[in-house]
Protein backbone atom coordinates (compact mmCIF):
# COMPACT_ATOMS: atom_id res chain seq x y z
CA MET A 1 93.33 185.85 100.71
CA ASN A 2 97.04 185.23 100.39
CA SER A 3 97.53 185.71 104.12
CA ARG A 4 94.95 183.01 104.76
CA LYS A 5 96.86 180.54 102.50
CA TYR A 6 100.11 181.25 104.31
CA PHE A 7 98.39 180.68 107.63
CA ILE A 8 97.10 177.23 106.54
CA ILE A 9 100.53 176.18 105.22
CA ALA A 10 102.24 177.37 108.38
CA PHE A 11 99.72 175.46 110.50
CA PHE A 12 100.14 172.10 108.73
CA ALA A 13 103.85 172.21 107.85
CA PRO A 14 105.14 170.94 111.25
CA THR A 15 102.71 168.01 111.12
CA LEU A 16 103.82 166.99 107.61
CA PHE A 17 107.47 167.27 108.61
CA CYS A 18 106.92 165.00 111.62
CA LEU A 19 105.14 162.39 109.47
CA ALA A 20 108.01 162.38 106.98
CA GLN A 21 110.50 161.91 109.79
CA ASN A 22 108.52 158.99 111.24
CA ASN A 23 108.50 157.21 107.86
CA LYS A 24 112.30 157.13 107.65
CA PRO A 25 114.11 153.83 108.41
CA ALA A 26 115.22 153.63 112.02
CA SER A 27 118.88 153.65 111.02
CA LEU A 28 118.48 156.86 109.00
CA ALA A 29 116.45 158.53 111.73
CA ALA A 30 119.31 157.84 114.10
CA GLY A 31 121.67 159.60 111.70
CA LYS A 32 123.56 156.53 110.48
CA PRO A 33 123.33 154.46 107.28
CA ALA A 34 121.58 151.10 107.32
CA ASP A 35 123.81 148.08 107.80
CA PRO A 36 124.53 146.16 104.57
CA PRO A 37 123.01 142.67 104.32
CA VAL A 38 125.24 139.95 105.68
CA ALA A 39 126.40 137.54 102.99
CA GLY A 40 125.69 133.85 103.47
CA THR A 41 128.57 131.77 104.78
CA ALA A 42 127.81 128.64 102.81
CA SER A 43 126.60 127.65 99.41
CA SER A 44 124.19 125.21 101.00
CA ASP A 45 123.09 124.46 104.51
CA SER A 46 122.39 120.80 103.72
CA TYR A 47 125.11 119.68 101.28
CA VAL A 48 127.64 117.38 102.93
CA ILE A 49 131.21 117.91 101.75
CA GLY A 50 133.10 114.92 100.40
CA PRO A 51 136.54 114.03 99.02
CA SER A 52 137.57 115.78 95.77
CA ASP A 53 135.14 118.66 96.31
CA VAL A 54 136.68 122.13 95.86
CA LEU A 55 135.95 124.79 98.48
CA THR A 56 136.57 128.52 98.62
CA VAL A 57 137.50 129.46 102.17
CA THR A 58 137.51 133.17 102.96
CA VAL A 59 138.76 134.63 106.23
CA TRP A 60 137.86 138.32 106.42
CA LYS A 61 140.92 140.58 106.08
CA GLU A 62 143.25 137.54 106.12
CA LEU A 63 144.31 136.90 102.52
CA SER A 64 147.01 134.44 103.54
CA LEU A 65 144.34 132.20 105.10
CA SER A 66 141.91 132.45 102.19
CA GLY A 67 141.76 130.60 98.88
CA ASN A 68 140.50 127.60 96.94
CA LEU A 69 141.11 124.29 98.67
CA LEU A 70 140.73 120.72 97.44
CA VAL A 71 139.30 118.18 99.86
CA ARG A 72 141.84 115.35 99.93
CA PRO A 73 140.88 111.65 99.72
CA ASP A 74 141.24 111.46 103.52
CA GLY A 75 138.58 114.18 103.86
CA MET A 76 141.01 116.87 105.04
CA ILE A 77 141.91 120.34 103.79
CA SER A 78 145.18 122.10 104.63
CA MET A 79 145.24 125.69 105.93
CA SER A 80 147.97 128.02 107.11
CA LEU A 81 148.22 128.21 110.92
CA LEU A 82 145.76 125.35 111.36
CA GLY A 83 147.33 122.56 109.32
CA ASP A 84 144.90 119.76 108.50
CA VAL A 85 141.19 120.45 109.03
CA GLN A 86 138.46 117.81 108.71
CA ALA A 87 136.07 118.89 105.94
CA SER A 88 134.43 115.68 104.70
CA GLY A 89 131.18 114.89 106.46
CA LEU A 90 130.42 118.53 107.30
CA THR A 91 128.23 121.11 105.59
CA PRO A 92 129.97 124.32 104.40
CA LEU A 93 128.39 126.21 107.30
CA GLN A 94 129.58 123.66 109.86
CA LEU A 95 133.09 123.75 108.41
CA ALA A 96 133.15 127.56 108.53
CA ASN A 97 132.20 127.42 112.21
CA GLN A 98 134.92 124.83 112.95
CA ILE A 99 137.58 126.91 111.21
CA ALA A 100 136.46 130.05 113.06
CA ILE A 101 136.69 128.27 116.43
CA ARG A 102 140.23 127.08 115.75
CA LEU A 103 141.33 130.47 114.42
CA LYS A 104 140.32 132.20 117.66
CA LYS A 105 143.72 131.15 119.04
CA TYR A 106 145.36 133.45 116.50
CA ILE A 107 142.74 136.01 115.39
CA GLN A 108 140.22 137.98 117.40
CA ASP A 109 136.63 137.27 116.24
CA PRO A 110 137.50 135.62 112.90
CA ASN A 111 134.84 135.92 110.20
CA VAL A 112 134.98 132.79 108.04
CA SER A 113 132.92 131.77 105.02
CA VAL A 114 133.06 128.50 103.09
CA VAL A 115 131.56 128.21 99.61
CA LEU A 116 131.35 125.02 97.58
CA THR A 117 132.80 125.81 94.14
CA GLN A 118 133.07 122.34 92.59
CA VAL A 119 131.05 119.22 93.37
CA ASN A 120 133.18 116.18 92.61
CA SER A 121 132.35 113.75 95.41
CA LYS A 122 128.68 113.11 94.65
CA LYS A 123 128.53 111.21 91.38
CA ILE A 124 126.80 108.16 89.99
CA PHE A 125 127.77 106.27 86.84
CA LEU A 126 125.83 104.87 83.89
CA LEU A 127 127.04 102.01 81.70
CA GLY A 128 125.61 100.14 78.75
CA GLU A 129 122.67 101.08 76.56
CA VAL A 130 122.11 104.72 77.55
CA GLN A 131 122.53 107.72 75.29
CA ARG A 132 125.39 109.22 77.32
CA LYS A 133 127.59 106.86 79.31
CA GLY A 134 129.82 107.91 82.18
CA PRO A 135 129.61 109.90 85.40
CA VAL A 136 126.61 112.05 86.26
CA GLU A 137 126.55 114.67 89.00
CA MET A 138 124.25 113.44 91.71
CA THR A 139 121.53 115.72 93.01
CA SER A 140 119.79 115.39 96.36
CA GLY A 141 117.31 112.50 96.32
CA MET A 142 118.18 111.47 92.75
CA THR A 143 116.30 108.36 91.62
CA VAL A 144 117.03 105.73 88.97
CA LEU A 145 114.59 107.29 86.52
CA GLN A 146 116.09 110.76 87.03
CA ALA A 147 119.61 109.43 86.48
CA ILE A 148 118.66 107.62 83.28
CA ALA A 149 116.82 110.70 82.04
CA SER A 150 119.88 112.87 82.76
CA ALA A 151 121.89 110.48 80.54
CA GLY A 152 119.49 111.05 77.66
CA GLY A 153 117.39 107.93 78.25
CA LEU A 154 117.76 104.37 76.99
CA THR A 155 118.90 103.43 73.51
CA ASP A 156 116.72 101.37 71.17
CA PHE A 157 118.80 98.29 72.03
CA ALA A 158 118.37 98.48 75.82
CA ASP A 159 116.89 95.53 77.67
CA ALA A 160 114.78 97.40 80.23
CA LYS A 161 113.99 94.16 82.11
CA LYS A 162 117.62 93.53 83.05
CA ILE A 163 118.72 96.94 84.38
CA TYR A 164 120.51 96.78 87.72
CA ILE A 165 122.47 98.91 90.19
CA LEU A 166 125.94 98.03 91.44
CA ARG A 167 126.50 99.40 94.94
CA ASP A 168 129.54 99.11 97.20
CA GLU A 169 128.49 99.80 100.79
CA ALA A 170 130.85 99.21 103.72
CA GLY A 171 132.84 96.74 101.63
CA ASN A 172 129.76 94.79 100.59
CA HIS A 173 129.09 94.52 96.86
CA GLN A 174 125.41 94.56 95.98
CA LYS A 175 123.60 93.96 92.72
CA ILE A 176 120.16 95.55 92.94
CA PRO A 177 117.65 94.76 90.17
CA VAL A 178 115.66 97.66 88.76
CA ARG A 179 112.05 97.15 87.68
CA TYR A 180 112.28 99.96 85.18
CA LYS A 181 108.96 99.64 83.38
CA GLU A 182 106.94 99.40 86.59
CA ALA A 183 108.76 102.44 87.98
CA LEU A 184 108.08 104.29 84.74
CA LYS A 185 104.35 103.64 85.20
CA GLY A 186 104.42 105.63 88.45
CA ASN A 187 105.25 103.08 91.14
CA SER A 188 107.41 105.30 93.36
CA ASP A 189 108.46 102.37 95.56
CA LEU A 190 110.32 100.89 92.58
CA ASN A 191 111.94 104.19 91.55
CA LEU A 192 114.94 103.58 93.81
CA VAL A 193 116.81 106.47 95.39
CA LEU A 194 120.50 106.36 94.49
CA LYS A 195 123.57 106.69 96.66
CA SER A 196 126.84 108.37 95.77
CA GLY A 197 129.06 105.95 93.85
CA ASP A 198 126.21 103.81 92.49
CA THR A 199 126.63 102.41 88.97
CA ILE A 200 123.54 101.84 86.84
CA VAL A 201 124.08 99.09 84.27
CA VAL A 202 121.74 98.92 81.28
CA PRO A 203 122.34 95.71 79.24
């Protein structure tokens, strides 16, 4: 009886071993560990860098070229070897690619990452009869209603019929009336999308 059991185990053992081998990851089957996941090179693929933003630039194995950098009012950052680099108007990923291209003169296959650490360039401002006056960090696609809500809403003394937006665009000063109550009722056409630098005034 025992000899029959040993025969069955001996017959199926090679098959089970082969199945176990086939279920291993390809990298382990080849006798090497799996590659670690590659870290992202940008905090956002869509965010456009602006003046006063703070960036963390990391060049792999090059500590002297890495660090936190402030985007100057002229849109530039300053780096060792490269001097001034245009950052404003680019996404973090685009900036990382530009830095890597310029570093190829000095470093073989530079690995560069750019991470947005402080958002200072995209702000709107609220004045007048809102719960919290002052600057508000602007999110993508932020509307008038969202901005007012982020400021805690209107006070009891607010005149909702006279709210307006002050906008300075290409040197032109605009005063844009806001039909707050109609927008609040769900009319999306009146819930205006804001631009960086807009000031919402609530009389």
